[in-house]
PDB file of N, CA and C in Angstrom:
ATOM      1  N   MET A   1      -7.714  30.023 -22.650  1.00  0.00           N
ATOM      2  CA  MET A   1      -9.337  30.032 -21.929  1.00  0.00           C
ATOM      3  C   MET A   1     -10.071  28.594 -22.666  1.00  0.00           C
ATOM      4  N   SER A   2     -10.289  28.258 -21.552  1.00  0.00           N
ATOM      5  CA  SER A   2     -11.639  27.147 -21.999  1.00  0.00           C
ATOM      6  C   SER A   2     -12.370  27.987 -22.037  1.00  0.00           C
ATOM      7  N   ASP A   3     -14.034  27.230 -22.902  1.00  0.00           N
ATOM      8  CA  ASP A   3     -15.302  27.762 -22.860  1.00  0.00           C
ATOM      9  C   ASP A   3     -15.951  27.632 -21.703  1.00  0.00           C
ATOM     10  N   PRO A   4     -15.970  28.371 -20.883  1.00  0.00           N
ATOM     11  CA  PRO A   4     -16.968  28.737 -19.863  1.00  0.00           C
ATOM     12  C   PRO A   4     -18.131  28.141 -20.124  1.00  0.00           C
ATOM     13  N   THR A   5     -18.881  28.260 -21.292  1.00  0.00           N
ATOM     14  CA  THR A   5     -20.759  28.170 -21.457  1.00  0.00           C
ATOM     15  C   THR A   5     -20.474  26.331 -21.948  1.00  0.00           C
ATOM     16  N   THR A   6     -19.280  25.705 -21.613  1.00  0.00           N
ATOM     17  CA  THR A   6     -19.311  24.174 -22.097  1.00  0.00           C
ATOM     18  C   THR A   6     -19.587  23.553 -20.118  1.00  0.00           C
ATOM     19  N   MET A   7     -19.324  24.745 -18.877  1.00  0.00           N
ATOM     20  CA  MET A   7     -19.578  24.501 -18.083  1.00  0.00           C
ATOM     21  C   MET A   7     -20.530  24.433 -17.275  1.00  0.00           C
ATOM     22  N   HIS A   8     -21.803  24.984 -17.854  1.00  0.00           N
ATOM     23  CA  HIS A   8     -23.009  25.355 -17.131  1.00  0.00           C
ATOM     24  C   HIS A   8     -23.987  25.433 -18.274  1.00  0.00           C
ATOM     25  N   GLY A   9     -25.189  24.453 -17.607  1.00  0.00           N
ATOM     26  CA  GLY A   9     -26.290  24.687 -18.619  1.00  0.00           C
ATOM     27  C   GLY A   9     -26.992  26.620 -18.781  1.00  0.00           C
ATOM     28  N   ALA A  10     -27.367  26.615 -19.726  1.00  0.00           N
ATOM     29  CA  ALA A  10     -27.764  27.864 -20.432  1.00  0.00           C
ATOM     30  C   ALA A  10     -28.554  29.057 -19.287  1.00  0.00           C
ATOM     31  N   HIS A  11     -29.406  28.486 -18.284  1.00  0.00           N
ATOM     32  CA  HIS A  11     -29.819  28.963 -17.181  1.00  0.00           C
ATOM     33  C   HIS A  11     -28.739  28.947 -15.961  1.00  0.00           C
ATOM     34  N   GLU A  12     -27.729  28.574 -15.923  1.00  0.00           N
ATOM     35  CA  GLU A  12     -26.834  28.504 -14.924  1.00  0.00           C
ATOM     36  C   GLU A  12     -25.622  29.487 -15.626  1.00  0.00           C
ATOM     37  N   SER A  13     -25.546  29.180 -16.399  1.00  0.00           N
ATOM     38  CA  SER A  13     -25.035  30.499 -17.137  1.00  0.00           C
ATOM     39  C   SER A  13     -25.622  32.042 -17.085  1.00  0.00           C
ATOM     40  N   ARG A  14     -26.296  32.377 -17.339  1.00  0.00           N
ATOM     41  CA  ARG A  14     -26.705  33.602 -16.621  1.00  0.00           C
ATOM     42  C   ARG A  14     -26.935  33.939 -15.620  1.00  0.00           C
ATOM     43  N   HIS A  15     -27.510  33.232 -15.079  1.00  0.00           N
ATOM     44  CA  HIS A  15     -27.335  33.735 -13.430  1.00  0.00           C
ATOM     45  C   HIS A  15     -25.879  33.225 -13.279  1.00  0.00           C
ATOM     46  N   LEU A  16     -24.965  32.695 -13.248  1.00  0.00           N
ATOM     47  CA  LEU A  16     -23.456  32.890 -13.498  1.00  0.00           C
ATOM     48  C   LEU A  16     -23.144  34.474 -13.985  1.00  0.00           C
ATOM     49  N   ALA A  17     -23.689  34.938 -14.468  1.00  0.00           N
ATOM     50  CA  ALA A  17     -22.770  36.115 -15.050  1.00  0.00           C
ATOM     51  C   ALA A  17     -23.902  37.402 -14.547  1.00  0.00           C
ATOM     52  N   ALA A  18     -24.938  36.825 -13.926  1.00  0.00           N
ATOM     53  CA  ALA A  18     -25.686  38.059 -12.872  1.00  0.00           C
ATOM     54  C   ALA A  18     -24.748  38.332 -11.870  1.00  0.00           C
ATOM     55  N   LEU A  19     -24.512  36.919 -11.176  1.00  0.00           N
ATOM     56  CA  LEU A  19     -24.090  37.330 -10.467  1.00  0.00           C
ATOM     57  C   LEU A  19     -22.881  38.590 -10.321  1.00  0.00           C
ATOM     58  N   ALA A  20     -22.016  37.915 -11.364  1.00  0.00           N
ATOM     59  CA  ALA A  20     -20.359  38.440 -11.273  1.00  0.00           C
ATOM     60  C   ALA A  20     -20.453  39.644 -11.536  1.00  0.00           C
ATOM     61  N   ARG A  21     -21.813  40.029 -12.517  1.00  0.00           N
ATOM     62  CA  ARG A  21     -22.014  41.446 -12.834  1.00  0.00           C
ATOM     63  C   ARG A  21     -22.332  42.232 -11.624  1.00  0.00           C
ATOM     64  N   GLU A  22     -22.699  41.558 -10.625  1.00  0.00           N
ATOM     65  CA  GLU A  22     -23.762  42.602  -9.465  1.00  0.00           C
ATOM     66  C   GLU A  22     -22.740  42.594  -8.426  1.00  0.00           C
ATOM     67  N   LEU A  23     -22.002  41.408  -8.004  1.00  0.00           N
ATOM     68  CA  LEU A  23     -20.416  41.529  -7.508  1.00  0.00           C
ATOM     69  C   LEU A  23     -18.917  42.616  -8.086  1.00  0.00           C
ATOM     70  N   THR A  24     -19.110  42.443  -9.097  1.00  0.00           N
ATOM     71  CA  THR A  24     -18.161  43.774  -9.491  1.00  0.00           C
ATOM     72  C   THR A  24     -18.776  44.779  -9.410  1.00  0.00           C
ATOM     73  N   TYR A  25     -20.061  45.096  -9.928  1.00  0.00           N
ATOM     74  CA  TYR A  25     -20.675  46.567  -9.665  1.00  0.00           C
ATOM     75  C   TYR A  25     -21.002  47.245  -8.399  1.00  0.00           C
ATOM     76  N   ALA A  26     -20.861  46.397  -7.253  1.00  0.00           N
ATOM     77  CA  ALA A  26     -20.886  46.732  -6.365  1.00  0.00           C
ATOM     78  C   ALA A  26     -19.466  47.628  -5.315  1.00  0.00           C
ATOM     79  N   ALA A  27     -18.079  46.392  -5.933  1.00  0.00           N
ATOM     80  CA  ALA A  27     -16.902  46.449  -6.044  1.00  0.00           C
ATOM     81  C   ALA A  27     -16.794  47.743  -6.546  1.00  0.00           C
ATOM     82  N   GLY A  28     -17.587  48.793  -7.371  1.00  0.00           N
ATOM     83  CA  GLY A  28     -16.909  49.447  -7.982  1.00  0.00           C
ATOM     84  C   GLY A  28     -16.285  49.540  -9.419  1.00  0.00           C
ATOM     85  N   VAL A  29     -16.394  48.260  -9.781  1.00  0.00           N
ATOM     86  CA  VAL A  29     -16.021  47.888 -11.181  1.00  0.00           C
ATOM     87  C   VAL A  29     -16.956  46.783 -12.241  1.00  0.00           C
ATOM     88  N   PRO A  30     -17.672  47.887 -12.864  1.00  0.00           N
ATOM     89  CA  PRO A  30     -18.685  47.260 -13.673  1.00  0.00           C
ATOM     90  C   PRO A  30     -18.208  46.741 -15.032  1.00  0.00           C
ATOM     91  N   LEU A  31     -18.804  45.578 -15.147  1.00  0.00           N
ATOM     92  CA  LEU A  31     -17.961  44.883 -16.373  1.00  0.00           C
ATOM     93  C   LEU A  31     -19.111  45.217 -17.089  1.00  0.00           C
ATOM     94  N   ARG A  32     -18.366  46.563 -18.443  1.00  0.00           N
ATOM     95  CA  ARG A  32     -18.861  47.018 -19.652  1.00  0.00           C
ATOM     96  C   ARG A  32     -18.021  46.704 -20.347  1.00  0.00           C
ATOM     97  N   ASP A  33     -19.024  47.273 -21.883  1.00  0.00           N
ATOM     98  CA  ASP A  33     -18.087  47.244 -22.911  1.00  0.00           C
ATOM     99  C   ASP A  33     -17.557  48.856 -23.228  1.00  0.00           C
ATOM    100  N   ARG A  34     -16.670  48.858 -23.951  1.00  0.00           N
ATOM    101  CA  ARG A  34     -16.256  50.100 -24.637  1.00  0.00           C
ATOM    102  C   ARG A  34     -17.437  50.956 -24.637  1.00  0.00           C
ATOM    103  N   TYR A  35     -18.478  51.184 -25.337  1.00  0.00           N
ATOM    104  CA  TYR A  35     -19.401  51.769 -24.861  1.00  0.00           C
ATOM    105  C   TYR A  35     -20.293  52.290 -23.600  1.00  0.00           C
ATOM    106  N   GLY A  36     -20.254  51.719 -23.100  1.00  0.00           N
ATOM    107  CA  GLY A  36     -20.449  52.105 -21.391  1.00  0.00           C
ATOM    108  C   GLY A  36     -21.839  51.153 -21.586  1.00  0.00           C
ATOM    109  N   PHE A  37     -21.926  50.081 -22.312  1.00  0.00           N
ATOM    110  CA  PHE A  37     -23.187  48.938 -22.090  1.00  0.00           C
ATOM    111  C   PHE A  37     -22.712  47.759 -21.557  1.00  0.00           C
ATOM    112  N   ALA A  38     -23.590  47.068 -20.446  1.00  0.00           N
ATOM    113  CA  ALA A  38     -23.170  46.141 -20.249  1.00  0.00           C
ATOM    114  C   ALA A  38     -22.494  44.930 -20.634  1.00  0.00           C
ATOM    115  N   ALA A  39     -21.423  44.252 -20.607  1.00  0.00           N
ATOM    116  CA  ALA A  39     -20.280  43.601 -21.550  1.00  0.00           C
ATOM    117  C   ALA A  39     -21.297  42.153 -21.194  1.00  0.00           C
ATOM    118  N   SER A  40     -21.130  41.589 -22.719  1.00  0.00           N
ATOM    119  CA  SER A  40     -21.657  40.803 -22.738  1.00  0.00           C
ATOM    120  C   SER A  40     -21.403  39.010 -21.748  1.00  0.00           C
ATOM    121  N   GLU A  41     -22.473  38.209 -22.216  1.00  0.00           N
ATOM    122  CA  GLU A  41     -22.649  37.284 -21.258  1.00  0.00           C
ATOM    123  C   GLU A  41     -21.369  36.163 -21.516  1.00  0.00           C
ATOM    124  N   GLU A  42     -20.658  36.427 -22.533  1.00  0.00           N
ATOM    125  CA  GLU A  42     -19.439  35.164 -23.403  1.00  0.00           C
ATOM    126  C   GLU A  42     -18.515  35.769 -22.193  1.00  0.00           C
ATOM    127  N   SER A  43     -18.494  37.461 -22.531  1.00  0.00           N
ATOM    128  CA  SER A  43     -16.895  38.163 -22.149  1.00  0.00           C
ATOM    129  C   SER A  43     -17.433  37.840 -20.580  1.00  0.00           C
ATOM    130  N   VAL A  44     -18.532  38.049 -19.518  1.00  0.00           N
ATOM    131  CA  VAL A  44     -18.313  37.590 -18.022  1.00  0.00           C
ATOM    132  C   VAL A  44     -17.795  36.067 -17.495  1.00  0.00           C
ATOM    133  N   LEU A  45     -18.292  35.561 -18.510  1.00  0.00           N
ATOM    134  CA  LEU A  45     -18.593  33.977 -18.146  1.00  0.00           C
ATOM    135  C   LEU A  45     -17.132  33.742 -18.620  1.00  0.00           C
ATOM    136  N   ARG A  46     -16.309  34.174 -19.487  1.00  0.00           N
ATOM    137  CA  ARG A  46     -14.481  33.774 -19.614  1.00  0.00           C
ATOM    138  C   ARG A  46     -14.209  34.604 -18.390  1.00  0.00           C
ATOM    139  N   ILE A  47     -14.837  35.725 -18.067  1.00  0.00           N
ATOM    140  CA  ILE A  47     -13.920  36.783 -16.763  1.00  0.00           C
ATOM    141  C   ILE A  47     -14.300  35.855 -15.800  1.00  0.00           C
ATOM    142  N   VAL A  48     -14.873  34.780 -15.650  1.00  0.00           N
ATOM    143  CA  VAL A  48     -15.180  34.112 -13.735  1.00  0.00           C
ATOM    144  C   VAL A  48     -14.804  33.226 -14.427  1.00  0.00           C
ATOM    145  N   ALA A  49     -14.159  32.270 -15.604  1.00  0.00           N
ATOM    146  CA  ALA A  49     -13.875  31.118 -15.803  1.00  0.00           C
ATOM    147  C   ALA A  49     -11.654  31.394 -15.549  1.00  0.00           C
ATOM    148  N   ALA A  50     -12.020  33.215 -16.100  1.00  0.00           N
ATOM    149  CA  ALA A  50     -10.016  33.469 -15.804  1.00  0.00           C
ATOM    150  C   ALA A  50      -9.615  33.419 -14.140  1.00  0.00           C
ATOM    151  N   VAL A  51     -11.009  33.696 -13.109  1.00  0.00           N
ATOM    152  CA  VAL A  51     -10.600  34.224 -12.076  1.00  0.00           C
ATOM    153  C   VAL A  51     -10.405  32.135 -11.446  1.00  0.00           C
ATOM    154  N   ALA A  52     -11.442  31.101 -12.154  1.00  0.00           N
ATOM    155  CA  ALA A  52     -11.726  30.091 -11.484  1.00  0.00           C
ATOM    156  C   ALA A  52      -9.958  28.875 -11.960  1.00  0.00           C
ATOM    157  N   ALA A  53      -9.646  29.519 -13.216  1.00  0.00           N
ATOM    158  CA  ALA A  53      -8.435  28.993 -13.532  1.00  0.00           C
ATOM    159  C   ALA A  53      -7.854  29.458 -12.729  1.00  0.00           C
ATOM    160  N   HIS A  54      -7.163  30.141 -12.493  1.00  0.00           N
ATOM    161  CA  HIS A  54      -6.177  31.002 -11.477  1.00  0.00           C
ATOM    162  C   HIS A  54      -6.013  31.472 -10.632  1.00  0.00           C
ATOM    163  N   PRO A  55      -5.223  30.672  -9.431  1.00  0.00           N
ATOM    164  CA  PRO A  55      -5.573  30.579  -8.089  1.00  0.00           C
ATOM    165  C   PRO A  55      -5.515  32.220  -7.543  1.00  0.00           C
ATOM    166  N   ASP A  56      -3.721  32.595  -8.409  1.00  0.00           N
ATOM    167  CA  ASP A  56      -3.107  33.288  -8.404  1.00  0.00           C
ATOM    168  C   ASP A  56      -3.798  35.045  -8.561  1.00  0.00           C
ATOM    169  N   ASP A  57      -4.406  35.540  -7.800  1.00  0.00           N
ATOM    170  CA  ASP A  57      -5.111  37.089  -7.839  1.00  0.00           C
ATOM    171  C   ASP A  57      -4.353  37.706  -9.660  1.00  0.00           C
ATOM    172  N   GLU A  58      -3.075  37.659  -9.256  1.00  0.00           N
ATOM    173  CA  GLU A  58      -2.058  38.881 -10.349  1.00  0.00           C
ATOM    174  C   GLU A  58      -1.763  38.083 -11.258  1.00  0.00           C
ATOM    175  N   ASP A  59      -2.199  36.822 -11.472  1.00  0.00           N
ATOM    176  CA  ASP A  59      -2.113  35.749 -12.777  1.00  0.00           C
ATOM    177  C   ASP A  59      -3.269  36.108 -13.253  1.00  0.00           C
ATOM    178  N   ALA A  60      -4.593  35.740 -12.525  1.00  0.00           N
ATOM    179  CA  ALA A  60      -6.006  36.008 -13.454  1.00  0.00           C
ATOM    180  C   ALA A  60      -6.091  37.534 -14.148  1.00  0.00           C
ATOM    181  N   ALA A  61      -5.796  38.245 -13.171  1.00  0.00           N
ATOM    182  CA  ALA A  61      -6.090  39.919 -13.872  1.00  0.00           C
ATOM    183  C   ALA A  61      -4.735  40.081 -14.806  1.00  0.00           C
ATOM    184  N   ASP A  62      -3.827  39.080 -15.208  1.00  0.00           N
ATOM    185  CA  ASP A  62      -2.635  39.177 -16.606  1.00  0.00           C
ATOM    186  C   ASP A  62      -3.791  38.878 -17.521  1.00  0.00           C
ATOM    187  N   VAL A  63      -4.529  37.314 -17.054  1.00  0.00           N
ATOM    188  CA  VAL A  63      -4.893  36.952 -18.643  1.00  0.00           C
ATOM    189  C   VAL A  63      -6.435  37.718 -18.856  1.00  0.00           C
ATOM    190  N   ILE A  64      -6.534  38.110 -18.110  1.00  0.00           N
ATOM    191  CA  ILE A  64      -7.592  38.961 -18.186  1.00  0.00           C
ATOM    192  C   ILE A  64      -7.822  39.973 -18.795  1.00  0.00           C
ATOM    193  N   GLY A  65      -6.645  41.097 -18.228  1.00  0.00           N
ATOM    194  CA  GLY A  65      -6.162  42.157 -18.935  1.00  0.00           C
ATOM    195  C   GLY A  65      -5.230  41.329 -20.614  1.00  0.00           C
ATOM    196  N   SER A  66      -4.895  40.409 -20.854  1.00  0.00           N
ATOM    197  CA  SER A  66      -4.577  40.033 -21.865  1.00  0.00           C
ATOM    198  C   SER A  66      -5.854  39.230 -22.833  1.00  0.00           C
ATOM    199  N   ALA A  67      -6.773  38.875 -22.351  1.00  0.00           N
ATOM    200  CA  ALA A  67      -7.444  38.390 -23.125  1.00  0.00           C
ATOM    201  C   ALA A  67      -8.462  39.976 -23.849  1.00  0.00           C
ATOM    202  N   ASN A  68      -8.726  40.717 -22.985  1.00  0.00           N
ATOM    203  CA  ASN A  68      -9.338  42.091 -22.907  1.00  0.00           C
ATOM    204  C   ASN A  68      -8.206  42.522 -24.179  1.00  0.00           C
ATOM    205  N   PHE A  69      -6.828  42.549 -24.161  1.00  0.00           N
ATOM    206  CA  PHE A  69      -6.473  43.285 -25.619  1.00  0.00           C
ATOM    207  C   PHE A  69      -6.338  42.755 -26.878  1.00  0.00           C
ATOM    208  N   VAL A  70      -6.426  41.443 -26.744  1.00  0.00           N
ATOM    209  CA  VAL A  70      -6.496  40.779 -28.186  1.00  0.00           C
ATOM    210  C   VAL A  70      -8.273  40.556 -28.482  1.00  0.00           C
ATOM    211  N   GLY A  71      -8.780  41.283 -27.819  1.00  0.00           N
ATOM    212  CA  GLY A  71     -10.416  40.441 -28.119  1.00  0.00           C
ATOM    213  C   GLY A  71     -10.884  39.975 -28.057  1.00  0.00           C
ATOM    214  N   GLU A  72     -10.525  38.703 -26.893  1.00  0.00           N
ATOM    215  CA  GLU A  72     -11.536  37.603 -26.471  1.00  0.00           C
ATOM    216  C   GLU A  72     -12.292  37.975 -26.132  1.00  0.00           C
ATOM    217  N   ILE A  73     -12.486  39.130 -25.337  1.00  0.00           N
ATOM    218  CA  ILE A  73     -13.423  39.513 -24.214  1.00  0.00           C
ATOM    219  C   ILE A  73     -13.241  41.053 -25.001  1.00  0.00           C
ATOM    220  N   GLU A  74     -14.426  41.780 -24.308  1.00  0.00           N
ATOM    221  CA  GLU A  74     -14.723  43.089 -24.421  1.00  0.00           C
ATOM    222  C   GLU A  74     -14.920  43.802 -23.499  1.00  0.00           C
ATOM    223  N   ILE A  75     -13.943  44.514 -22.786  1.00  0.00           N
ATOM    224  CA  ILE A  75     -14.881  45.474 -21.517  1.00  0.00           C
ATOM    225  C   ILE A  75     -13.710  46.811 -21.230  1.00  0.00           C
ATOM    226  N   ALA A  76     -13.826  47.643 -20.842  1.00  0.00           N
ATOM    227  CA  ALA A  76     -13.679  48.670 -20.752  1.00  0.00           C
ATOM    228  C   ALA A  76     -14.119  49.392 -19.144  1.00  0.00           C
ATOM    229  N   GLU A  77     -13.174  50.217 -19.032  1.00  0.00           N
ATOM    230  CA  GLU A  77     -13.677  51.321 -17.501  1.00  0.00           C
ATOM    231  C   GLU A  77     -14.632  51.990 -18.107  1.00  0.00           C
ATOM    232  N   GLY A  78     -14.492  52.864 -18.827  1.00  0.00           N
ATOM    233  CA  GLY A  78     -15.353  53.686 -19.499  1.00  0.00           C
ATOM    234  C   GLY A  78     -15.715  54.375 -20.286  1.00  0.00           C
ATOM    235  N   TYR A  79     -16.593  54.802 -20.735  1.00  0.00           N
ATOM    236  CA  TYR A  79     -16.662  54.623 -22.532  1.00  0.00           C
ATOM    237  C   TYR A  79     -15.244  55.095 -23.538  1.00  0.00           C
ATOM    238  N   ASP A  80     -15.286  54.015 -24.343  1.00  0.00           N
ATOM    239  CA  ASP A  80     -13.878  53.672 -24.819  1.00  0.00           C
ATOM    240  C   ASP A  80     -12.451  53.845 -24.565  1.00  0.00           C
ATOM    241  N   THR A  81     -12.479  53.837 -22.879  1.00  0.00           N
ATOM    242  CA  THR A  81     -11.762  53.320 -21.758  1.00  0.00           C
ATOM    243  C   THR A  81     -11.106  52.129 -21.419  1.00  0.00           C
ATOM    244  N   PRO A  82     -10.052  51.723 -21.955  1.00  0.00           N
ATOM    245  CA  PRO A  82      -9.204  50.582 -21.525  1.00  0.00           C
ATOM    246  C   PRO A  82      -9.059  50.385 -20.371  1.00  0.00           C
ATOM    247  N   THR A  83      -9.400  49.131 -19.815  1.00  0.00           N
ATOM    248  CA  THR A  83      -8.750  48.591 -18.585  1.00  0.00           C
ATOM    249  C   THR A  83      -7.557  49.104 -17.986  1.00  0.00           C
ATOM    250  N   SER A  84      -7.716  49.549 -16.883  1.00  0.00           N
ATOM    251  CA  SER A  84      -6.104  49.355 -16.017  1.00  0.00           C
ATOM    252  C   SER A  84      -5.661  48.549 -15.354  1.00  0.00           C
ATOM    253  N   GLU A  85      -4.579  47.916 -14.813  1.00  0.00           N
ATOM    254  CA  GLU A  85      -3.855  46.768 -14.444  1.00  0.00           C
ATOM    255  C   GLU A  85      -4.971  46.406 -12.881  1.00  0.00           C
ATOM    256  N   GLU A  86      -5.125  47.844 -12.375  1.00  0.00           N
ATOM    257  CA  GLU A  86      -5.434  47.941 -10.985  1.00  0.00           C
ATOM    258  C   GLU A  86      -6.756  48.149 -11.424  1.00  0.00           C
ATOM    259  N   TYR A  87      -7.568  48.225 -12.302  1.00  0.00           N
ATOM    260  CA  TYR A  87      -9.384  47.746 -12.766  1.00  0.00           C
ATOM    261  C   TYR A  87      -9.994  46.141 -12.464  1.00  0.00           C
ATOM    262  N   GLU A  88      -8.564  45.713 -13.021  1.00  0.00           N
ATOM    263  CA  GLU A  88      -8.743  43.802 -13.480  1.00  0.00           C
ATOM    264  C   GLU A  88      -8.634  42.985 -12.219  1.00  0.00           C
ATOM    265  N   ARG A  89      -7.482  44.136 -11.039  1.00  0.00           N
ATOM    266  CA  ARG A  89      -7.377  43.692 -10.300  1.00  0.00           C
ATOM    267  C   ARG A  89      -8.371  43.454  -8.553  1.00  0.00           C
ATOM    268  N   ARG A  90      -9.250  44.365  -9.214  1.00  0.00           N
ATOM    269  CA  ARG A  90     -10.357  45.035  -8.582  1.00  0.00           C
ATOM    270  C   ARG A  90     -11.458  43.959  -9.029  1.00  0.00           C
ATOM    271  N   ILE A  91     -11.336  43.498 -10.553  1.00  0.00           N
ATOM    272  CA  ILE A  91     -12.527  42.695 -10.899  1.00  0.00           C
ATOM    273  C   ILE A  91     -12.493  41.073 -10.217  1.00  0.00           C
ATOM    274  N   VAL A  92     -10.899  40.452  -9.955  1.00  0.00           N
ATOM    275  CA  VAL A  92     -10.374  39.564  -9.914  1.00  0.00           C
ATOM    276  C   VAL A  92     -10.750  39.559  -8.917  1.00  0.00           C
ATOM    277  N   ALA A  93     -10.551  40.372  -7.330  1.00  0.00           N
ATOM    278  CA  ALA A  93     -11.055  40.423  -5.957  1.00  0.00           C
ATOM    279  C   ALA A  93     -12.339  40.412  -5.572  1.00  0.00           C
ATOM    280  N   ALA A  94     -13.394  41.247  -6.691  1.00  0.00           N
ATOM    281  CA  ALA A  94     -14.518  41.125  -6.703  1.00  0.00           C
ATOM    282  C   ALA A  94     -15.396  39.673  -6.750  1.00  0.00           C
ATOM    283  N   LEU A  95     -14.420  38.844  -7.376  1.00  0.00           N
ATOM    284  CA  LEU A  95     -14.853  37.700  -8.247  1.00  0.00           C
ATOM    285  C   LEU A  95     -14.347  36.692  -7.427  1.00  0.00           C
ATOM    286  N   ARG A  96     -13.452  36.519  -6.559  1.00  0.00           N
ATOM    287  CA  ARG A  96     -12.640  35.941  -5.724  1.00  0.00           C
ATOM    288  C   ARG A  96     -13.817  34.505  -4.961  1.00  0.00           C
ATOM    289  N   PRO A  97     -14.635  35.294  -4.220  1.00  0.00           N
ATOM    290  CA  PRO A  97     -15.147  34.886  -3.323  1.00  0.00           C
ATOM    291  C   PRO A  97     -16.733  33.760  -4.046  1.00  0.00           C
ATOM    292  N   LEU A  98     -16.832  34.196  -5.468  1.00  0.00           N
ATOM    293  CA  LEU A  98     -17.625  33.529  -6.000  1.00  0.00           C
ATOM    294  C   LEU A  98     -17.669  32.340  -6.999  1.00  0.00           C
ATOM    295  N   VAL A  99     -15.849  32.645  -6.938  1.00  0.00           N
ATOM    296  CA  VAL A  99     -15.188  31.312  -7.651  1.00  0.00           C
ATOM    297  C   VAL A  99     -15.207  30.180  -6.490  1.00  0.00           C
ATOM    298  N   GLU A 100     -14.442  30.714  -5.224  1.00  0.00           N
ATOM    299  CA  GLU A 100     -14.166  29.556  -4.077  1.00  0.00           C
ATOM    300  C   GLU A 100     -15.272  29.224  -3.652  1.00  0.00           C
ATOM    301  N   GLN A 101     -17.141  29.849  -3.861  1.00  0.00           N
ATOM    302  CA  GLN A 101     -17.804  29.783  -3.359  1.00  0.00           C
ATOM    303  C   GLN A 101     -18.521  28.274  -4.176  1.00  0.00           C
ATOM    304  N   ARG A 102     -18.320  28.098  -5.124  1.00  0.00           N
ATOM    305  CA  ARG A 102     -18.789  27.268  -5.641  1.00  0.00           C
ATOM    306  C   ARG A 102     -18.076  26.284  -6.278  1.00  0.00           C
ATOM    307  N   ARG A 103     -16.207  26.525  -6.035  1.00  0.00           N
ATOM    308  CA  ARG A 103     -15.493  25.816  -5.872  1.00  0.00           C
ATOM    309  C   ARG A 103     -15.714  24.483  -5.036  1.00  0.00           C
ATOM    310  N   ASP A 104     -16.187  25.170  -3.670  1.00  0.00           N
ATOM    311  CA  ASP A 104     -16.415  24.183  -2.236  1.00  0.00           C
ATOM    312  C   ASP A 104     -17.671  23.835  -2.524  1.00  0.00           C
ATOM    313  N   ALA A 105     -18.890  23.790  -2.952  1.00  0.00           N
ATOM    314  CA  ALA A 105     -20.048  23.252  -3.222  1.00  0.00           C
ATOM    315  C   ALA A 105     -19.807  22.296  -4.421  1.00  0.00           C
ATOM    316  N   ALA A 106     -18.860  22.739  -5.178  1.00  0.00           N
ATOM    317  CA  ALA A 106     -18.978  21.186  -5.822  1.00  0.00           C
ATOM    318  C   ALA A 106     -17.987  20.259  -5.686  1.00  0.00           C
ATOM    319  N   VAL A 107     -17.014  20.345  -4.570  1.00  0.00           N
ATOM    320  CA  VAL A 107     -16.322  19.442  -3.941  1.00  0.00           C
ATOM    321  C   VAL A 107     -17.538  19.201  -2.951  1.00  0.00           C
ATOM    322  N   ARG A 108     -18.378  19.760  -1.872  1.00  0.00           N
ATOM    323  CA  ARG A 108     -19.187  18.981  -1.279  1.00  0.00           C
ATOM    324  C   ARG A 108     -20.216  18.164  -2.208  1.00  0.00           C
ATOM    325  N   GLY A 109     -20.375  18.689  -3.334  1.00  0.00           N
ATOM    326  CA  GLY A 109     -21.420  17.420  -4.210  1.00  0.00           C
ATOM    327  C   GLY A 109     -20.082  16.597  -4.276  1.00  0.00           C
ATOM    328  N   LEU A 110     -19.622  16.328  -4.394  1.00  0.00           N
ATOM    329  CA  LEU A 110     -18.702  15.088  -5.061  1.00  0.00           C
ATOM    330  C   LEU A 110     -18.803  13.823  -3.571  1.00  0.00           C
ATOM    331  N   ARG A 111     -18.843  14.201  -2.187  1.00  0.00           N
ATOM    332  CA  ARG A 111     -18.380  14.032  -1.175  1.00  0.00           C
ATOM    333  C   ARG A 111     -19.877  12.851  -1.250  1.00  0.00           C
TER     334      ARG A 111
END
């Protein structure tokens, strides 16, 4: 995955991470680390980047699961509980509208 922090300024990155956390929390799939704390901003931005880079939801969920498995990101369903495929699919579903909105805004900005 590309480094999502290079796509945005620091303030915009924090804002994007906060929105992603709120959307996933509202969908019942909070982005937490294996200790139950909020996932790092870097992990959250990498998840958003995976959703943006993969228009197919299943592919995006697979990328998130693989990145979590190899340690590129750290998220868990609960205390020391790895994420399931269903959890990863629900993360993608929660973030897809945010990614599409940002993509549409970028296209409008180019016109």
